[in-house]
């Protein structure tokens, strides 16, 4: 499975609905990293890259891309404002 930052992924192995979705944030070595939400709180998740190609017991992929988040676009835009304007460099906010 080829993921792009911001992809919303369904983990069909997860039992609880809250933990079934995560936003892909990148990789580190053999691990895929993401942000998930449980009980209204964000948390980080990690999965082995090899597990993303696993097949669920019903014959369909265990992990499926179901959407795209704009979270990275928003972060780039927000950080760009600060970098462009130099906010905070002289103690001003």
N, C-alpha and C. Protein backbone atom coordinates (compact mmCIF):
# COMPACT_ATOMS: atom_id res chain seq x y z
N UNK A 1 0.85 -1.17 0.00
CA UNK A 1 0.00 0.00 0.00
C UNK A 1 0.90 1.24 0.00
N UNK A 2 0.64 2.15 -0.89
CA UNK A 2 1.39 3.40 -0.99
C UNK A 2 0.58 4.50 -0.30
N UNK A 3 1.13 5.04 0.78
CA UNK A 3 0.43 6.08 1.54
C UNK A 3 1.07 7.44 1.30
N UNK A 4 0.24 8.47 1.38
CA UNK A 4 0.71 9.86 1.31
C UNK A 4 0.33 10.53 2.63
N UNK A 5 1.17 11.45 3.07
CA UNK A 5 0.87 12.15 4.32
C UNK A 5 -0.53 12.75 4.26
N UNK A 6 -1.29 12.51 5.32
CA UNK A 6 -2.65 13.02 5.39
C UNK A 6 -3.71 12.00 5.00
N UNK A 7 -3.29 10.85 4.45
CA UNK A 7 -4.28 9.82 4.11
C UNK A 7 -4.97 9.34 5.39
N UNK A 8 -6.27 9.16 5.31
CA UNK A 8 -7.04 8.59 6.42
C UNK A 8 -7.19 7.11 6.11
N UNK A 9 -6.72 6.29 7.04
CA UNK A 9 -6.66 4.85 6.83
C UNK A 9 -7.59 4.13 7.80
N UNK A 10 -8.33 3.17 7.29
CA UNK A 10 -9.18 2.31 8.10
C UNK A 10 -8.40 1.04 8.43
N UNK A 11 -8.28 0.74 9.71
CA UNK A 11 -7.65 -0.49 10.17
C UNK A 11 -8.78 -1.46 10.51
N UNK A 12 -9.03 -2.40 9.63
CA UNK A 12 -10.15 -3.31 9.81
C UNK A 12 -9.89 -4.36 10.89
N UNK A 13 -8.65 -4.47 11.38
CA UNK A 13 -8.35 -5.39 12.47
C UNK A 13 -8.79 -4.82 13.82
N UNK A 14 -8.87 -3.50 13.92
CA UNK A 14 -9.20 -2.87 15.20
C UNK A 14 -10.63 -3.20 15.59
N UNK A 15 -10.82 -3.53 16.85
CA UNK A 15 -12.15 -3.92 17.32
C UNK A 15 -13.05 -2.74 17.63
N UNK A 16 -12.48 -1.70 18.27
CA UNK A 16 -13.29 -0.53 18.65
C UNK A 16 -13.35 0.44 17.48
N UNK A 17 -14.51 0.99 17.25
CA UNK A 17 -14.70 1.93 16.15
C UNK A 17 -13.76 3.12 16.28
N UNK A 18 -13.57 3.62 17.51
CA UNK A 18 -12.71 4.79 17.70
C UNK A 18 -11.28 4.56 17.23
N UNK A 19 -10.76 3.37 17.42
CA UNK A 19 -9.39 3.08 17.05
C UNK A 19 -9.19 2.56 15.65
N UNK A 20 -10.24 2.55 14.88
CA UNK A 20 -10.17 1.96 13.54
C UNK A 20 -9.58 2.89 12.50
N UNK A 21 -9.53 4.18 12.77
CA UNK A 21 -9.05 5.14 11.78
C UNK A 21 -7.81 5.85 12.28
N UNK A 22 -6.87 6.14 11.36
CA UNK A 22 -5.73 6.97 11.71
C UNK A 22 -5.33 7.80 10.50
N UNK A 23 -4.65 8.90 10.79
CA UNK A 23 -4.12 9.77 9.74
C UNK A 23 -2.64 9.46 9.61
N UNK A 24 -2.22 9.09 8.42
CA UNK A 24 -0.84 8.74 8.15
C UNK A 24 0.05 9.98 8.25
N UNK A 25 1.13 9.86 9.04
CA UNK A 25 2.05 11.00 9.21
C UNK A 25 3.44 10.73 8.67
N UNK A 26 3.78 9.48 8.41
CA UNK A 26 5.10 9.18 7.86
C UNK A 26 5.58 7.80 8.28
N UNK A 27 6.86 7.53 7.97
CA UNK A 27 7.46 6.25 8.32
C UNK A 27 8.77 6.47 9.05
N UNK A 28 9.17 5.46 9.77
CA UNK A 28 10.46 5.45 10.45
C UNK A 28 10.96 4.02 10.46
N UNK A 29 11.96 3.74 9.63
CA UNK A 29 12.45 2.37 9.52
C UNK A 29 11.38 1.45 9.00
N UNK A 30 11.05 0.41 9.77
CA UNK A 30 10.03 -0.56 9.35
C UNK A 30 8.63 -0.19 9.83
N UNK A 31 8.51 0.98 10.46
CA UNK A 31 7.23 1.36 11.06
C UNK A 31 6.52 2.46 10.27
N UNK A 32 5.20 2.36 10.22
CA UNK A 32 4.33 3.39 9.68
C UNK A 32 3.75 4.12 10.89
N UNK A 33 3.74 5.44 10.84
CA UNK A 33 3.28 6.22 11.99
C UNK A 33 2.02 6.99 11.62
N UNK A 34 1.20 7.24 12.63
CA UNK A 34 -0.02 7.98 12.39
C UNK A 34 -0.58 8.57 13.66
N UNK A 35 -1.67 9.29 13.49
CA UNK A 35 -2.39 9.91 14.60
C UNK A 35 -3.79 9.32 14.61
N UNK A 36 -4.20 8.85 15.77
CA UNK A 36 -5.53 8.27 15.93
C UNK A 36 -6.25 9.00 17.06
N UNK A 37 -7.51 8.70 17.26
CA UNK A 37 -8.26 9.33 18.33
C UNK A 37 -9.04 8.26 19.08
N UNK A 38 -8.97 8.34 20.40
CA UNK A 38 -9.72 7.42 21.24
C UNK A 38 -10.24 8.19 22.44
N UNK A 39 -11.49 8.03 22.75
CA UNK A 39 -12.12 8.75 23.86
C UNK A 39 -11.93 10.26 23.73
N UNK A 40 -11.94 10.76 22.50
CA UNK A 40 -11.82 12.19 22.25
C UNK A 40 -10.41 12.74 22.37
N UNK A 41 -9.41 11.86 22.56
CA UNK A 41 -8.03 12.31 22.70
C UNK A 41 -7.17 11.76 21.58
N UNK A 42 -6.29 12.61 21.05
CA UNK A 42 -5.38 12.19 20.00
C UNK A 42 -4.24 11.38 20.59
N UNK A 43 -3.78 10.40 19.84
CA UNK A 43 -2.62 9.62 20.25
C UNK A 43 -1.88 9.17 19.00
N UNK A 44 -0.62 8.81 19.18
CA UNK A 44 0.16 8.32 18.05
C UNK A 44 0.01 6.80 17.96
N UNK A 45 0.08 6.29 16.74
CA UNK A 45 0.01 4.85 16.50
C UNK A 45 1.15 4.45 15.59
N UNK A 46 1.55 3.21 15.69
CA UNK A 46 2.58 2.66 14.82
C UNK A 46 2.17 1.26 14.38
N UNK A 47 2.44 0.98 13.12
CA UNK A 47 2.19 -0.35 12.55
C UNK A 47 3.41 -0.74 11.73
N UNK A 48 3.69 -2.04 11.66
CA UNK A 48 4.75 -2.50 10.77
C UNK A 48 4.31 -2.25 9.33
N UNK A 49 5.24 -1.78 8.49
CA UNK A 49 4.92 -1.54 7.08
C UNK A 49 4.34 -2.79 6.43
N UNK A 50 4.90 -3.93 6.77
CA UNK A 50 4.44 -5.19 6.16
C UNK A 50 2.98 -5.50 6.49
N UNK A 51 2.49 -5.01 7.63
CA UNK A 51 1.10 -5.31 8.01
C UNK A 51 0.09 -4.56 7.15
N UNK A 52 0.53 -3.49 6.48
CA UNK A 52 -0.41 -2.71 5.66
C UNK A 52 -0.91 -3.48 4.44
N UNK A 53 -0.17 -4.51 4.06
CA UNK A 53 -0.58 -5.31 2.90
C UNK A 53 -1.30 -6.60 3.32
N UNK A 54 -1.59 -6.73 4.60
CA UNK A 54 -2.26 -7.93 5.11
C UNK A 54 -3.69 -8.01 4.57
N UNK A 55 -4.17 -9.23 4.47
CA UNK A 55 -5.53 -9.48 4.03
C UNK A 55 -6.37 -9.86 5.25
N UNK A 56 -7.52 -9.21 5.39
CA UNK A 56 -8.46 -9.49 6.48
C UNK A 56 -9.07 -10.88 6.25
N UNK A 57 -9.64 -11.47 7.28
CA UNK A 57 -10.20 -12.82 7.15
C UNK A 57 -11.32 -12.92 6.12
N UNK A 58 -11.92 -11.78 5.74
CA UNK A 58 -12.98 -11.81 4.73
C UNK A 58 -12.45 -11.70 3.30
N UNK A 59 -11.11 -11.69 3.17
CA UNK A 59 -10.49 -11.65 1.84
C UNK A 59 -10.22 -10.26 1.31
N UNK A 60 -10.62 -9.23 2.04
CA UNK A 60 -10.38 -7.85 1.62
C UNK A 60 -9.16 -7.30 2.37
N UNK A 61 -8.55 -6.23 1.87
CA UNK A 61 -7.38 -5.67 2.57
C UNK A 61 -7.74 -5.27 4.00
N UNK A 62 -6.81 -5.53 4.92
CA UNK A 62 -7.03 -5.18 6.33
C UNK A 62 -6.93 -3.67 6.55
N UNK A 63 -6.10 -3.00 5.76
CA UNK A 63 -5.95 -1.55 5.85
C UNK A 63 -6.40 -0.94 4.53
N UNK A 64 -7.25 0.07 4.61
CA UNK A 64 -7.78 0.71 3.40
C UNK A 64 -7.73 2.22 3.55
N UNK A 65 -7.30 2.90 2.50
CA UNK A 65 -7.35 4.36 2.48
C UNK A 65 -8.81 4.75 2.22
N UNK A 66 -9.37 5.55 3.14
CA UNK A 66 -10.78 5.92 3.01
C UNK A 66 -11.00 7.42 2.82
N UNK A 67 -9.93 8.21 2.92
CA UNK A 67 -10.08 9.65 2.77
C UNK A 67 -8.75 10.36 2.84
N UNK A 68 -8.83 11.67 2.82
CA UNK A 68 -7.64 12.53 2.86
C UNK A 68 -7.92 13.67 3.81
N UNK A 69 -6.99 13.90 4.74
CA UNK A 69 -7.12 15.01 5.69
C UNK A 69 -6.34 16.21 5.17
N UNK A 70 -6.82 17.38 5.48
CA UNK A 70 -6.11 18.61 5.10
C UNK A 70 -5.18 19.09 6.20
N UNK A 71 -4.95 18.25 7.21
CA UNK A 71 -4.16 18.66 8.38
C UNK A 71 -2.77 19.15 7.99
N UNK A 72 -2.11 18.50 7.05
CA UNK A 72 -0.76 18.93 6.67
C UNK A 72 -0.79 20.23 5.89
N UNK A 73 -1.81 20.43 5.05
CA UNK A 73 -1.96 21.69 4.33
C UNK A 73 -2.15 22.84 5.31
N UNK A 74 -2.96 22.62 6.34
CA UNK A 74 -3.21 23.64 7.35
C UNK A 74 -1.93 23.95 8.13
N UNK A 75 -1.18 22.91 8.50
CA UNK A 75 0.07 23.14 9.25
C UNK A 75 1.08 23.93 8.42
N UNK A 76 1.22 23.58 7.15
CA UNK A 76 2.15 24.30 6.28
C UNK A 76 1.74 25.76 6.15
N UNK A 77 0.44 26.00 5.98
CA UNK A 77 -0.08 27.36 5.88
C UNK A 77 0.19 28.16 7.15
N UNK A 78 -0.12 27.56 8.30
CA UNK A 78 0.07 28.24 9.58
C UNK A 78 1.55 28.54 9.83
N UNK A 79 2.41 27.56 9.65
CA UNK A 79 3.84 27.78 9.88
C UNK A 79 4.40 28.79 8.89
N UNK A 80 3.90 28.75 7.66
CA UNK A 80 4.34 29.70 6.64
C UNK A 80 4.07 31.14 7.03
N UNK A 81 2.93 31.39 7.68
CA UNK A 81 2.59 32.74 8.14
C UNK A 81 3.64 33.25 9.13
N UNK A 82 4.01 32.39 10.06
CA UNK A 82 4.99 32.79 11.07
C UNK A 82 6.36 32.99 10.45
N UNK A 83 6.74 32.13 9.55
CA UNK A 83 8.05 32.26 8.92
C UNK A 83 8.11 33.52 8.05
N UNK A 84 7.05 33.78 7.33
CA UNK A 84 7.01 34.94 6.43
C UNK A 84 7.05 36.24 7.21
N UNK A 85 6.32 36.31 8.31
CA UNK A 85 6.22 37.54 9.08
C UNK A 85 7.25 37.63 10.20
N UNK A 86 7.97 36.54 10.47
CA UNK A 86 8.98 36.55 11.53
C UNK A 86 8.38 36.78 12.90
N UNK A 87 7.17 36.32 13.10
CA UNK A 87 6.49 36.52 14.38
C UNK A 87 7.26 35.86 15.51
N UNK A 88 7.47 36.60 16.59
CA UNK A 88 8.11 36.06 17.77
C UNK A 88 9.62 36.19 17.78
N UNK A 89 10.23 36.61 16.67
CA UNK A 89 11.68 36.70 16.62
C UNK A 89 12.22 37.81 17.51
N UNK A 90 11.45 38.83 17.71
CA UNK A 90 11.88 39.95 18.57
C UNK A 90 11.05 40.01 19.84
N UNK A 91 10.49 38.91 20.23
CA UNK A 91 9.67 38.87 21.42
C UNK A 91 8.25 39.33 21.19
N UNK A 92 7.90 39.69 19.94
CA UNK A 92 6.54 40.14 19.63
C UNK A 92 5.68 38.96 19.23
N UNK A 93 4.39 39.08 19.50
CA UNK A 93 3.46 38.01 19.08
C UNK A 93 2.24 38.59 18.47
